[in-house]
Amino acid sequence: MSLVLAALPAAGLAQEPLRLVALGDSLTQGYGLPPDQGLVPQLQGWLRKAGHDVIVINAGVSGDTTAGGLSRLDWTLADKPDAMIVALGGNDMLRGIDPGVSRANLDAILTRLGAAGVPAMLVGLPAPGNYGPEFQQAFGAMYPELAREHGATLYPDLLAPITQRYATGDSYGDLMQDDRLHPSAAGVEAIVAAMGPAVAEWLQEIKASAE
């Protein structure tokens, strides 16, 4: 009995898996994909294979804007995450919402996370040119500027493997669903392959700072 009791404190100190919430829209939610092929399950699988004891929680809502993400932030924080990926702004861009409004919403989200002591990774998107140069400049600047202001980790372009192919004139149809708005399972796999190392490094920094 004494041996069992002596082992109890050590067992109680066993670390729980890190709880990483992904707050986003349809790109996070996994729109149009089988449940195991969306961004969250593929990212969790990648991180676990890389040796990280992590649970990635899907807080993506299809159609959500930065305002929608902000409105449900308290509910998301109730899940007591250890860290949060903030991947919002795509629907703001598609709707032509003033980047100043989007920036204010993201600023409020990062401020709230900072107050709650939740490390954040802010995930950006390429700035579109179809709303004019002022929109493009403001949209493109808000992610790096907000990350710097809040001490958040920046991942500049969620869709990097797709946008890189587009920029070089290479075919990228295999990475997209038929709607040409959402990545296919292969597209998500490419996104995770590019994004995974950055997330893994960030999680390692979080773990090191907690020790």
N, C-alpha and C. Protein backbone atom coordinates (compact mmCIF):
# COMPACT_ATOMS: atom_id res chain seq x y z
N MET A 1 0.83 -1.21 0.00
CA MET A 1 0.00 0.00 0.00
C MET A 1 0.86 1.26 0.00
N SER A 2 1.96 1.23 0.79
CA SER A 2 2.81 2.41 0.85
C SER A 2 3.43 2.72 -0.51
N LEU A 3 3.76 1.64 -1.26
CA LEU A 3 4.32 1.87 -2.59
C LEU A 3 3.31 2.51 -3.52
N VAL A 4 2.04 2.10 -3.41
CA VAL A 4 0.99 2.67 -4.24
C VAL A 4 0.79 4.14 -3.90
N LEU A 5 0.75 4.46 -2.61
CA LEU A 5 0.55 5.84 -2.19
C LEU A 5 1.72 6.72 -2.62
N ALA A 6 2.92 6.15 -2.58
CA ALA A 6 4.09 6.93 -2.97
C ALA A 6 4.05 7.27 -4.45
N ALA A 7 3.40 6.42 -5.22
CA ALA A 7 3.35 6.65 -6.66
C ALA A 7 2.29 7.66 -7.06
N LEU A 8 1.33 7.91 -6.19
CA LEU A 8 0.21 8.78 -6.54
C LEU A 8 0.62 10.21 -6.87
N PRO A 9 1.48 10.86 -6.11
CA PRO A 9 1.86 12.23 -6.46
C PRO A 9 2.48 12.33 -7.85
N ALA A 10 3.35 11.36 -8.17
CA ALA A 10 4.00 11.39 -9.48
C ALA A 10 2.97 11.26 -10.59
N ALA A 11 1.99 10.38 -10.39
CA ALA A 11 0.95 10.21 -11.39
C ALA A 11 0.15 11.48 -11.57
N GLY A 12 -0.07 12.17 -10.44
CA GLY A 12 -0.84 13.41 -10.50
C GLY A 12 -0.14 14.50 -11.27
N LEU A 13 1.21 14.37 -11.39
CA LEU A 13 1.99 15.38 -12.08
C LEU A 13 2.10 15.12 -13.58
N ALA A 14 1.55 13.98 -14.03
CA ALA A 14 1.61 13.66 -15.45
C ALA A 14 0.95 14.78 -16.26
N GLN A 15 1.63 15.21 -17.30
CA GLN A 15 1.13 16.34 -18.09
C GLN A 15 -0.05 15.92 -18.96
N GLU A 16 -1.04 16.78 -19.02
CA GLU A 16 -2.18 16.57 -19.91
C GLU A 16 -1.79 17.01 -21.32
N PRO A 17 -2.45 16.47 -22.33
CA PRO A 17 -2.19 16.95 -23.70
C PRO A 17 -2.48 18.45 -23.80
N LEU A 18 -1.69 19.14 -24.57
CA LEU A 18 -1.91 20.56 -24.80
C LEU A 18 -3.18 20.74 -25.63
N ARG A 19 -4.01 21.66 -25.20
CA ARG A 19 -5.29 21.90 -25.87
C ARG A 19 -5.15 23.13 -26.77
N LEU A 20 -5.13 22.88 -28.06
CA LEU A 20 -4.96 23.93 -29.06
C LEU A 20 -6.27 24.14 -29.80
N VAL A 21 -6.85 25.32 -29.66
CA VAL A 21 -8.10 25.65 -30.35
C VAL A 21 -7.80 26.36 -31.66
N ALA A 22 -8.48 25.96 -32.72
CA ALA A 22 -8.38 26.64 -34.00
C ALA A 22 -9.67 27.41 -34.25
N LEU A 23 -9.59 28.73 -34.07
CA LEU A 23 -10.74 29.62 -34.25
C LEU A 23 -10.72 30.13 -35.68
N GLY A 24 -11.76 29.79 -36.45
CA GLY A 24 -11.74 30.20 -37.84
C GLY A 24 -13.08 30.07 -38.54
N ASP A 25 -13.01 29.97 -39.85
CA ASP A 25 -14.22 29.90 -40.67
C ASP A 25 -14.29 28.54 -41.37
N SER A 26 -14.83 28.50 -42.60
CA SER A 26 -14.99 27.23 -43.30
C SER A 26 -13.66 26.56 -43.60
N LEU A 27 -12.60 27.34 -43.78
CA LEU A 27 -11.29 26.76 -44.04
C LEU A 27 -10.81 25.95 -42.85
N THR A 28 -11.15 26.40 -41.65
CA THR A 28 -10.82 25.68 -40.43
C THR A 28 -11.81 24.56 -40.17
N GLN A 29 -13.07 24.85 -40.42
CA GLN A 29 -14.14 23.90 -40.11
C GLN A 29 -14.06 22.63 -40.95
N GLY A 30 -13.50 22.74 -42.16
CA GLY A 30 -13.38 21.58 -43.02
C GLY A 30 -14.52 21.44 -44.01
N TYR A 31 -15.00 22.57 -44.50
CA TYR A 31 -16.15 22.60 -45.41
C TYR A 31 -15.93 21.67 -46.61
N GLY A 32 -16.94 20.84 -46.88
CA GLY A 32 -16.94 20.00 -48.06
C GLY A 32 -16.05 18.78 -48.01
N LEU A 33 -15.46 18.51 -46.85
CA LEU A 33 -14.52 17.41 -46.72
C LEU A 33 -15.01 16.35 -45.74
N PRO A 34 -14.57 15.10 -45.89
CA PRO A 34 -14.88 14.08 -44.88
C PRO A 34 -14.35 14.53 -43.51
N PRO A 35 -14.98 14.07 -42.43
CA PRO A 35 -14.61 14.55 -41.09
C PRO A 35 -13.12 14.41 -40.75
N ASP A 36 -12.46 13.42 -41.32
CA ASP A 36 -11.06 13.19 -40.96
C ASP A 36 -10.07 13.87 -41.91
N GLN A 37 -10.59 14.67 -42.86
CA GLN A 37 -9.71 15.27 -43.86
C GLN A 37 -9.62 16.78 -43.79
N GLY A 38 -10.31 17.39 -42.83
CA GLY A 38 -10.26 18.83 -42.68
C GLY A 38 -8.95 19.30 -42.07
N LEU A 39 -8.81 20.60 -41.94
CA LEU A 39 -7.57 21.19 -41.43
C LEU A 39 -7.25 20.71 -40.02
N VAL A 40 -8.25 20.70 -39.15
CA VAL A 40 -8.01 20.36 -37.74
C VAL A 40 -7.54 18.91 -37.58
N PRO A 41 -8.26 17.92 -38.10
CA PRO A 41 -7.77 16.55 -37.92
C PRO A 41 -6.43 16.29 -38.61
N GLN A 42 -6.23 16.89 -39.78
CA GLN A 42 -4.94 16.68 -40.45
C GLN A 42 -3.80 17.35 -39.69
N LEU A 43 -4.05 18.53 -39.15
CA LEU A 43 -3.01 19.21 -38.37
C LEU A 43 -2.70 18.45 -37.09
N GLN A 44 -3.74 17.97 -36.41
CA GLN A 44 -3.52 17.19 -35.20
C GLN A 44 -2.69 15.94 -35.51
N GLY A 45 -3.04 15.25 -36.60
CA GLY A 45 -2.28 14.07 -36.97
C GLY A 45 -0.82 14.39 -37.27
N TRP A 46 -0.59 15.49 -37.97
CA TRP A 46 0.78 15.90 -38.30
C TRP A 46 1.57 16.20 -37.03
N LEU A 47 0.97 16.96 -36.12
CA LEU A 47 1.66 17.34 -34.89
C LEU A 47 1.95 16.14 -34.01
N ARG A 48 1.03 15.20 -33.94
CA ARG A 48 1.26 14.01 -33.13
C ARG A 48 2.37 13.16 -33.72
N LYS A 49 2.41 13.04 -35.04
CA LYS A 49 3.49 12.29 -35.67
C LYS A 49 4.84 12.97 -35.43
N ALA A 50 4.81 14.29 -35.26
CA ALA A 50 6.02 15.04 -34.97
C ALA A 50 6.40 14.98 -33.50
N GLY A 51 5.60 14.29 -32.70
CA GLY A 51 5.95 14.08 -31.30
C GLY A 51 5.28 15.01 -30.31
N HIS A 52 4.28 15.76 -30.74
CA HIS A 52 3.61 16.70 -29.85
C HIS A 52 2.34 16.07 -29.28
N ASP A 53 2.24 16.08 -27.96
CA ASP A 53 1.05 15.57 -27.28
C ASP A 53 0.02 16.69 -27.26
N VAL A 54 -0.83 16.74 -28.28
CA VAL A 54 -1.72 17.88 -28.47
C VAL A 54 -3.08 17.41 -28.95
N ILE A 55 -4.10 18.09 -28.49
CA ILE A 55 -5.46 17.93 -28.99
C ILE A 55 -5.82 19.23 -29.71
N VAL A 56 -6.13 19.16 -30.98
CA VAL A 56 -6.53 20.35 -31.73
C VAL A 56 -8.05 20.38 -31.79
N ILE A 57 -8.63 21.45 -31.27
CA ILE A 57 -10.08 21.57 -31.14
C ILE A 57 -10.62 22.46 -32.25
N ASN A 58 -11.63 21.96 -32.95
CA ASN A 58 -12.18 22.67 -34.10
C ASN A 58 -13.18 23.72 -33.65
N ALA A 59 -12.80 24.98 -33.78
CA ALA A 59 -13.71 26.10 -33.50
C ALA A 59 -13.91 26.90 -34.79
N GLY A 60 -14.01 26.19 -35.89
CA GLY A 60 -14.28 26.82 -37.17
C GLY A 60 -15.76 26.79 -37.48
N VAL A 61 -16.30 27.89 -37.94
CA VAL A 61 -17.71 27.99 -38.31
C VAL A 61 -17.79 28.52 -39.74
N SER A 62 -18.38 27.74 -40.61
CA SER A 62 -18.47 28.12 -42.01
C SER A 62 -19.22 29.45 -42.16
N GLY A 63 -18.66 30.35 -42.92
CA GLY A 63 -19.28 31.65 -43.16
C GLY A 63 -18.92 32.72 -42.14
N ASP A 64 -18.16 32.35 -41.12
CA ASP A 64 -17.85 33.31 -40.06
C ASP A 64 -16.91 34.41 -40.55
N THR A 65 -17.17 35.61 -40.09
CA THR A 65 -16.29 36.75 -40.29
C THR A 65 -15.48 36.98 -39.02
N THR A 66 -14.62 37.98 -39.04
CA THR A 66 -13.89 38.33 -37.82
C THR A 66 -14.87 38.74 -36.72
N ALA A 67 -15.97 39.38 -37.09
CA ALA A 67 -16.99 39.77 -36.11
C ALA A 67 -17.62 38.54 -35.49
N GLY A 68 -17.89 37.52 -36.30
CA GLY A 68 -18.46 36.29 -35.78
C GLY A 68 -17.52 35.59 -34.83
N GLY A 69 -16.24 35.56 -35.18
CA GLY A 69 -15.25 34.95 -34.29
C GLY A 69 -15.16 35.66 -32.96
N LEU A 70 -15.21 37.00 -33.02
CA LEU A 70 -15.17 37.77 -31.79
C LEU A 70 -16.41 37.52 -30.94
N SER A 71 -17.56 37.40 -31.58
CA SER A 71 -18.81 37.25 -30.83
C SER A 71 -18.88 35.93 -30.06
N ARG A 72 -18.15 34.92 -30.53
CA ARG A 72 -18.20 33.63 -29.84
C ARG A 72 -16.89 33.31 -29.11
N LEU A 73 -16.07 34.32 -28.91
CA LEU A 73 -14.78 34.08 -28.29
C LEU A 73 -14.91 33.61 -26.84
N ASP A 74 -15.82 34.23 -26.08
CA ASP A 74 -15.98 33.82 -24.68
C ASP A 74 -16.38 32.36 -24.59
N TRP A 75 -17.28 31.94 -25.49
CA TRP A 75 -17.69 30.54 -25.52
C TRP A 75 -16.51 29.65 -25.85
N THR A 76 -15.67 30.09 -26.77
CA THR A 76 -14.50 29.30 -27.16
C THR A 76 -13.50 29.22 -26.02
N LEU A 77 -13.31 30.31 -25.31
CA LEU A 77 -12.38 30.32 -24.18
C LEU A 77 -12.88 29.46 -23.02
N ALA A 78 -14.18 29.22 -22.96
CA ALA A 78 -14.73 28.38 -21.90
C ALA A 78 -14.19 26.96 -21.99
N ASP A 79 -13.67 26.60 -23.16
CA ASP A 79 -13.08 25.27 -23.35
C ASP A 79 -11.68 25.18 -22.76
N LYS A 80 -11.21 26.30 -22.18
CA LYS A 80 -9.93 26.38 -21.48
C LYS A 80 -8.75 25.92 -22.35
N PRO A 81 -8.55 26.58 -23.48
CA PRO A 81 -7.42 26.20 -24.34
C PRO A 81 -6.09 26.64 -23.74
N ASP A 82 -5.04 25.91 -24.11
CA ASP A 82 -3.69 26.31 -23.73
C ASP A 82 -3.10 27.27 -24.75
N ALA A 83 -3.64 27.24 -25.96
CA ALA A 83 -3.16 28.12 -27.04
C ALA A 83 -4.27 28.19 -28.09
N MET A 84 -4.21 29.21 -28.95
CA MET A 84 -5.25 29.37 -29.95
C MET A 84 -4.67 29.85 -31.27
N ILE A 85 -5.08 29.18 -32.34
CA ILE A 85 -4.83 29.65 -33.69
C ILE A 85 -6.02 30.51 -34.10
N VAL A 86 -5.75 31.71 -34.55
CA VAL A 86 -6.81 32.62 -35.01
C VAL A 86 -6.67 32.75 -36.53
N ALA A 87 -7.60 32.13 -37.25
CA ALA A 87 -7.54 32.10 -38.71
C ALA A 87 -8.85 32.65 -39.28
N LEU A 88 -8.98 33.95 -39.21
CA LEU A 88 -10.20 34.63 -39.65
C LEU A 88 -9.85 35.77 -40.61
N GLY A 89 -10.81 36.14 -41.42
CA GLY A 89 -10.64 37.26 -42.34
C GLY A 89 -11.00 36.93 -43.77
N GLY A 90 -11.08 35.64 -44.10
CA GLY A 90 -11.40 35.25 -45.47
C GLY A 90 -12.76 35.73 -45.92
N ASN A 91 -13.75 35.60 -45.06
CA ASN A 91 -15.10 36.04 -45.42
C ASN A 91 -15.23 37.55 -45.40
N ASP A 92 -14.46 38.21 -44.54
CA ASP A 92 -14.41 39.68 -44.58
C ASP A 92 -13.91 40.12 -45.96
N MET A 93 -12.87 39.44 -46.43
CA MET A 93 -12.28 39.76 -47.73
C MET A 93 -13.29 39.53 -48.86
N LEU A 94 -13.95 38.37 -48.83
CA LEU A 94 -14.90 38.05 -49.89
C LEU A 94 -16.07 39.03 -49.93
N ARG A 95 -16.45 39.55 -48.78
CA ARG A 95 -17.58 40.48 -48.71
C ARG A 95 -17.16 41.93 -48.87
N GLY A 96 -15.88 42.17 -49.00
CA GLY A 96 -15.40 43.54 -49.16
C GLY A 96 -15.58 44.39 -47.92
N ILE A 97 -15.57 43.76 -46.75
CA ILE A 97 -15.70 44.51 -45.49
C ILE A 97 -14.48 45.40 -45.30
N ASP A 98 -14.70 46.59 -44.84
CA ASP A 98 -13.61 47.55 -44.59
C ASP A 98 -12.53 46.88 -43.74
N PRO A 99 -11.27 46.82 -44.23
CA PRO A 99 -10.21 46.22 -43.44
C PRO A 99 -10.04 46.83 -42.06
N GLY A 100 -10.44 48.11 -41.91
CA GLY A 100 -10.38 48.72 -40.59
C GLY A 100 -11.30 48.04 -39.60
N VAL A 101 -12.46 47.59 -40.08
CA VAL A 101 -13.40 46.85 -39.23
C VAL A 101 -12.84 45.48 -38.89
N SER A 102 -12.30 44.81 -39.89
CA SER A 102 -11.70 43.49 -39.66
C SER A 102 -10.54 43.59 -38.67
N ARG A 103 -9.73 44.62 -38.85
CA ARG A 103 -8.59 44.81 -37.96
C ARG A 103 -9.05 45.04 -36.52
N ALA A 104 -10.09 45.85 -36.35
CA ALA A 104 -10.59 46.12 -34.99
C ALA A 104 -11.08 44.84 -34.33
N ASN A 105 -11.74 43.97 -35.10
CA ASN A 105 -12.23 42.71 -34.55
C ASN A 105 -11.08 41.78 -34.16
N LEU A 106 -10.09 41.67 -35.03
CA LEU A 106 -8.93 40.84 -34.71
C LEU A 106 -8.16 41.40 -33.53
N ASP A 107 -8.07 42.72 -33.47
CA ASP A 107 -7.41 43.38 -32.34
C ASP A 107 -8.12 43.03 -31.03
N ALA A 108 -9.45 43.04 -31.05
CA ALA A 108 -10.22 42.71 -29.85
C ALA A 108 -10.02 41.25 -29.46
N ILE A 109 -9.95 40.36 -30.45
CA ILE A 109 -9.73 38.94 -30.16
C ILE A 109 -8.36 38.75 -29.50
N LEU A 110 -7.33 39.35 -30.08
CA LEU A 110 -5.99 39.18 -29.54
C LEU A 110 -5.85 39.84 -28.18
N THR A 111 -6.52 40.96 -27.98
CA THR A 111 -6.51 41.61 -26.66
C THR A 111 -7.13 40.70 -25.61
N ARG A 112 -8.24 40.09 -25.97
CA ARG A 112 -8.93 39.18 -25.04
C ARG A 112 -8.07 37.95 -24.74
N LEU A 113 -7.41 37.42 -25.73
CA LEU A 113 -6.54 36.26 -25.51
C LEU A 113 -5.36 36.64 -24.63
N GLY A 114 -4.81 37.83 -24.86
CA GLY A 114 -3.71 38.28 -24.02
C GLY A 114 -4.13 38.42 -22.56
N ALA A 115 -5.32 38.96 -22.34
CA ALA A 115 -5.81 39.12 -20.97
C ALA A 115 -6.05 37.77 -20.30
N ALA A 116 -6.41 36.77 -21.11
CA ALA A 116 -6.67 35.42 -20.58
C ALA A 116 -5.40 34.59 -20.48
N GLY A 117 -4.28 35.14 -20.95
CA GLY A 117 -3.02 34.41 -20.89
C GLY A 117 -2.93 33.25 -21.87
N VAL A 118 -3.65 33.37 -23.00
CA VAL A 118 -3.66 32.31 -24.01
C VAL A 118 -2.78 32.73 -25.18
N PRO A 119 -1.66 32.05 -25.41
CA PRO A 119 -0.81 32.38 -26.56
C PRO A 119 -1.58 32.24 -27.87
N ALA A 120 -1.30 33.14 -28.81
CA ALA A 120 -2.04 33.15 -30.06
C ALA A 120 -1.10 33.06 -31.26
N MET A 121 -1.55 32.32 -32.26
CA MET A 121 -0.93 32.35 -33.58
C MET A 121 -1.94 32.98 -34.53
N LEU A 122 -1.58 34.10 -35.12
CA LEU A 122 -2.47 34.79 -36.05
C LEU A 122 -2.12 34.34 -37.46
N VAL A 123 -3.13 33.81 -38.15
CA VAL A 123 -2.92 33.25 -39.49
C VAL A 123 -3.49 34.20 -40.54
N GLY A 124 -2.65 34.65 -41.44
CA GLY A 124 -3.07 35.61 -42.44
C GLY A 124 -3.52 34.97 -43.74
N LEU A 125 -3.94 35.81 -44.65
CA LEU A 125 -4.35 35.42 -45.99
C LEU A 125 -3.78 36.42 -46.99
N PRO A 126 -3.61 36.02 -48.24
CA PRO A 126 -3.11 36.96 -49.23
C PRO A 126 -4.09 38.10 -49.46
N ALA A 127 -3.55 39.28 -49.61
CA ALA A 127 -4.41 40.45 -49.82
C ALA A 127 -4.91 40.49 -51.25
N PRO A 128 -6.22 40.64 -51.45
CA PRO A 128 -6.78 40.66 -52.80
C PRO A 128 -6.59 42.02 -53.47
N GLY A 129 -6.58 42.02 -54.79
CA GLY A 129 -6.44 43.28 -55.52
C GLY A 129 -7.73 43.76 -56.15
N ASN A 130 -8.79 42.94 -56.04
CA ASN A 130 -10.02 43.28 -56.77
C ASN A 130 -10.82 44.41 -56.13
N TYR A 131 -10.48 44.80 -54.90
CA TYR A 131 -11.16 45.93 -54.27
C TYR A 131 -10.33 47.21 -54.31
N GLY A 132 -9.25 47.18 -55.05
CA GLY A 132 -8.44 48.37 -55.19
C GLY A 132 -7.19 48.33 -54.32
N PRO A 133 -6.21 49.17 -54.63
CA PRO A 133 -4.92 49.14 -53.93
C PRO A 133 -5.00 49.51 -52.46
N GLU A 134 -5.90 50.42 -52.10
CA GLU A 134 -6.00 50.82 -50.69
C GLU A 134 -6.49 49.66 -49.84
N PHE A 135 -7.52 48.96 -50.33
CA PHE A 135 -8.03 47.78 -49.62
C PHE A 135 -6.92 46.73 -49.52
N GLN A 136 -6.24 46.49 -50.62
CA GLN A 136 -5.20 45.47 -50.66
C GLN A 136 -4.09 45.78 -49.66
N GLN A 137 -3.68 47.03 -49.62
CA GLN A 137 -2.60 47.41 -48.70
C GLN A 137 -3.04 47.28 -47.25
N ALA A 138 -4.26 47.76 -46.94
CA ALA A 138 -4.74 47.71 -45.56
C ALA A 138 -4.97 46.27 -45.10
N PHE A 139 -5.54 45.44 -45.97
CA PHE A 139 -5.80 44.06 -45.61
C PHE A 139 -4.49 43.30 -45.40
N GLY A 140 -3.54 43.52 -46.31
CA GLY A 140 -2.27 42.81 -46.21
C GLY A 140 -1.46 43.23 -45.00
N ALA A 141 -1.61 44.48 -44.56
CA ALA A 141 -0.81 44.98 -43.44
C ALA A 141 -1.36 44.58 -42.08
N MET A 142 -2.65 44.29 -42.00
CA MET A 142 -3.25 44.13 -40.66
C MET A 142 -2.72 42.91 -39.91
N TYR A 143 -2.42 41.83 -40.62
CA TYR A 143 -1.96 40.63 -39.91
C TYR A 143 -0.58 40.81 -39.29
N PRO A 144 0.43 41.21 -40.04
CA PRO A 144 1.75 41.39 -39.41
C PRO A 144 1.76 42.50 -38.37
N GLU A 145 1.01 43.57 -38.62
CA GLU A 145 1.00 44.67 -37.64
C GLU A 145 0.35 44.25 -36.33
N LEU A 146 -0.77 43.54 -36.42
CA LEU A 146 -1.45 43.09 -35.20
C LEU A 146 -0.62 42.05 -34.44
N ALA A 147 0.01 41.16 -35.18
CA ALA A 147 0.86 40.16 -34.52
C ALA A 147 1.98 40.84 -33.75
N ARG A 148 2.58 41.84 -34.36
CA ARG A 148 3.66 42.57 -33.70
C ARG A 148 3.15 43.34 -32.49
N GLU A 149 2.01 43.99 -32.63
CA GLU A 149 1.47 44.78 -31.51
C GLU A 149 1.10 43.91 -30.31
N HIS A 150 0.65 42.69 -30.57
CA HIS A 150 0.17 41.83 -29.47
C HIS A 150 1.17 40.75 -29.07
N GLY A 151 2.31 40.72 -29.72
CA GLY A 151 3.28 39.68 -29.40
C GLY A 151 2.80 38.30 -29.79
N ALA A 152 1.92 38.24 -30.79
CA ALA A 152 1.42 36.96 -31.27
C ALA A 152 2.37 36.40 -32.32
N THR A 153 2.33 35.10 -32.50
CA THR A 153 3.10 34.46 -33.56
C THR A 153 2.33 34.62 -34.87
N LEU A 154 3.01 34.99 -35.93
CA LEU A 154 2.37 35.20 -37.23
C LEU A 154 2.67 34.04 -38.17
N TYR A 155 1.62 33.49 -38.76
CA TYR A 155 1.78 32.61 -39.91
C TYR A 155 1.17 33.37 -41.08
N PRO A 156 1.97 33.85 -42.01
CA PRO A 156 1.50 34.89 -42.95
C PRO A 156 0.40 34.47 -43.91
N ASP A 157 0.42 33.22 -44.38
CA ASP A 157 -0.52 32.86 -45.45
C ASP A 157 -0.98 31.42 -45.29
N LEU A 158 -2.21 31.25 -44.84
CA LEU A 158 -2.78 29.91 -44.65
C LEU A 158 -2.76 29.12 -45.95
N LEU A 159 -3.00 29.78 -47.06
CA LEU A 159 -3.15 29.11 -48.35
C LEU A 159 -1.85 29.11 -49.16
N ALA A 160 -0.72 29.24 -48.48
CA ALA A 160 0.57 29.41 -49.17
C ALA A 160 0.83 28.39 -50.28
N PRO A 161 0.61 27.09 -50.06
CA PRO A 161 0.91 26.15 -51.15
C PRO A 161 0.06 26.40 -52.41
N ILE A 162 -1.15 26.91 -52.21
CA ILE A 162 -2.04 27.18 -53.33
C ILE A 162 -1.67 28.51 -53.99
N THR A 163 -1.47 29.54 -53.19
CA THR A 163 -1.14 30.85 -53.75
C THR A 163 0.22 30.84 -54.44
N GLN A 164 1.14 30.02 -53.95
CA GLN A 164 2.45 29.93 -54.59
C GLN A 164 2.33 29.31 -55.98
N ARG A 165 1.51 28.29 -56.10
CA ARG A 165 1.29 27.68 -57.42
C ARG A 165 0.64 28.69 -58.37
N TYR A 166 -0.33 29.41 -57.84
CA TYR A 166 -1.02 30.41 -58.66
C TYR A 166 -0.05 31.48 -59.14
N ALA A 167 0.81 31.93 -58.23
CA ALA A 167 1.74 33.01 -58.57
C ALA A 167 2.74 32.59 -59.64
N THR A 168 3.07 31.31 -59.67
CA THR A 168 4.05 30.84 -60.66
C THR A 168 3.40 30.31 -61.93
N GLY A 169 2.06 30.37 -61.98
CA GLY A 169 1.35 29.93 -63.16
C GLY A 169 1.17 28.42 -63.26
N ASP A 170 1.49 27.70 -62.18
CA ASP A 170 1.34 26.25 -62.17
C ASP A 170 -0.11 25.88 -61.86
N SER A 171 -0.51 24.72 -62.31
CA SER A 171 -1.87 24.24 -62.05
C SER A 171 -2.05 23.95 -60.55
N TYR A 172 -3.17 24.36 -60.02
CA TYR A 172 -3.46 24.10 -58.62
C TYR A 172 -4.85 23.51 -58.43
N GLY A 173 -5.49 23.08 -59.53
CA GLY A 173 -6.84 22.56 -59.45
C GLY A 173 -6.98 21.36 -58.55
N ASP A 174 -5.92 20.53 -58.46
CA ASP A 174 -5.99 19.35 -57.60
C ASP A 174 -6.03 19.70 -56.12
N LEU A 175 -5.65 20.93 -55.80
CA LEU A 175 -5.63 21.36 -54.39
C LEU A 175 -6.93 22.05 -53.98
N MET A 176 -7.87 22.20 -54.93
CA MET A 176 -9.10 22.92 -54.65
C MET A 176 -10.32 22.03 -54.90
N GLN A 177 -11.40 22.32 -54.16
CA GLN A 177 -12.67 21.70 -54.45
C GLN A 177 -13.28 22.37 -55.69
N ASP A 178 -14.38 21.82 -56.16
CA ASP A 178 -14.99 22.33 -57.40
C ASP A 178 -15.44 23.78 -57.29
N ASP A 179 -15.70 24.27 -56.06
CA ASP A 179 -16.15 25.65 -55.91
C ASP A 179 -15.02 26.66 -56.08
N ARG A 180 -13.79 26.16 -56.14
CA ARG A 180 -12.60 27.00 -56.30
C ARG A 180 -12.42 28.01 -55.16
N LEU A 181 -13.07 27.75 -54.05
CA LEU A 181 -12.92 28.59 -52.86
C LEU A 181 -12.30 27.83 -51.69
N HIS A 182 -12.56 26.52 -51.64
CA HIS A 182 -12.12 25.72 -50.50
C HIS A 182 -11.13 24.66 -50.95
N PRO A 183 -10.10 24.42 -50.15
CA PRO A 183 -9.13 23.40 -50.53
C PRO A 183 -9.72 21.99 -50.48
N SER A 184 -9.22 21.14 -51.36
CA SER A 184 -9.56 19.72 -51.33
C SER A 184 -8.79 19.06 -50.20
N ALA A 185 -9.02 17.76 -50.01
CA ALA A 185 -8.26 17.04 -48.99
C ALA A 185 -6.77 17.10 -49.30
N ALA A 186 -6.42 17.00 -50.59
CA ALA A 186 -5.01 17.12 -50.98
C ALA A 186 -4.49 18.53 -50.72
N GLY A 187 -5.36 19.54 -50.93
CA GLY A 187 -4.98 20.91 -50.64
C GLY A 187 -4.72 21.13 -49.16
N VAL A 188 -5.58 20.57 -48.32
CA VAL A 188 -5.38 20.68 -46.87
C VAL A 188 -4.09 19.97 -46.46
N GLU A 189 -3.83 18.83 -47.07
CA GLU A 189 -2.59 18.11 -46.76
C GLU A 189 -1.38 18.97 -47.09
N ALA A 190 -1.42 19.67 -48.21
CA ALA A 190 -0.32 20.57 -48.58
C ALA A 190 -0.22 21.74 -47.62
N ILE A 191 -1.36 22.27 -47.22
CA ILE A 191 -1.39 23.38 -46.26
C ILE A 191 -0.76 22.94 -44.94
N VAL A 192 -1.14 21.76 -44.46
CA VAL A 192 -0.63 21.27 -43.19
C VAL A 192 0.86 20.96 -43.27
N ALA A 193 1.31 20.43 -44.41
CA ALA A 193 2.73 20.14 -44.57
C ALA A 193 3.56 21.42 -44.49
N ALA A 194 2.99 22.52 -45.00
CA ALA A 194 3.70 23.80 -44.94
C ALA A 194 3.57 24.46 -43.57
N MET A 195 2.40 24.35 -42.98
CA MET A 195 2.10 25.04 -41.73
C MET A 195 2.58 24.27 -40.50
N GLY A 196 2.59 22.96 -40.60
CA GLY A 196 2.90 22.12 -39.44
C GLY A 196 4.19 22.48 -38.73
N PRO A 197 5.31 22.64 -39.45
CA PRO A 197 6.56 22.98 -38.76
C PRO A 197 6.49 24.29 -37.98
N ALA A 198 5.78 25.29 -38.52
CA ALA A 198 5.65 26.57 -37.82
C ALA A 198 4.84 26.40 -36.54
N VAL A 199 3.76 25.61 -36.62
CA VAL A 199 2.94 25.36 -35.42
C VAL A 199 3.74 24.56 -34.40
N ALA A 200 4.48 23.57 -34.87
CA ALA A 200 5.27 22.74 -33.96
C ALA A 200 6.31 23.57 -33.22
N GLU A 201 6.98 24.47 -33.94
CA GLU A 201 7.97 25.34 -33.30
C GLU A 201 7.32 26.25 -32.27
N TRP A 202 6.16 26.78 -32.62
CA TRP A 202 5.42 27.65 -31.71
C TRP A 202 5.01 26.89 -30.44
N LEU A 203 4.52 25.66 -30.60
CA LEU A 203 4.12 24.87 -29.44
C LEU A 203 5.32 24.55 -28.56
N GLN A 204 6.46 24.32 -29.19
CA GLN A 204 7.67 24.05 -28.41
C GLN A 204 8.06 25.27 -27.59
N GLU A 205 7.88 26.47 -28.16
CA GLU A 205 8.16 27.70 -27.42
C GLU A 205 7.21 27.86 -26.25
N ILE A 206 5.93 27.54 -26.47
CA ILE A 206 4.95 27.62 -25.40
C ILE A 206 5.30 26.67 -24.26
N LYS A 207 5.67 25.45 -24.63
CA LYS A 207 6.04 24.45 -23.63
C LYS A 207 7.27 24.88 -22.84
N ALA A 208 8.26 25.43 -23.56
CA ALA A 208 9.49 25.86 -22.90
C ALA A 208 9.24 27.01 -21.92
N SER A 209 8.34 27.93 -22.32
CA SER A 209 8.05 29.08 -21.44
C SER A 209 7.26 28.68 -20.21
N ALA A 210 6.58 27.52 -20.28
CA ALA A 210 5.79 27.05 -19.14
C ALA A 210 6.62 26.25 -18.15
N GLU A 211 7.81 25.85 -18.54
CA GLU A 211 8.64 25.01 -17.67
C GLU A 211 9.39 25.85 -16.65
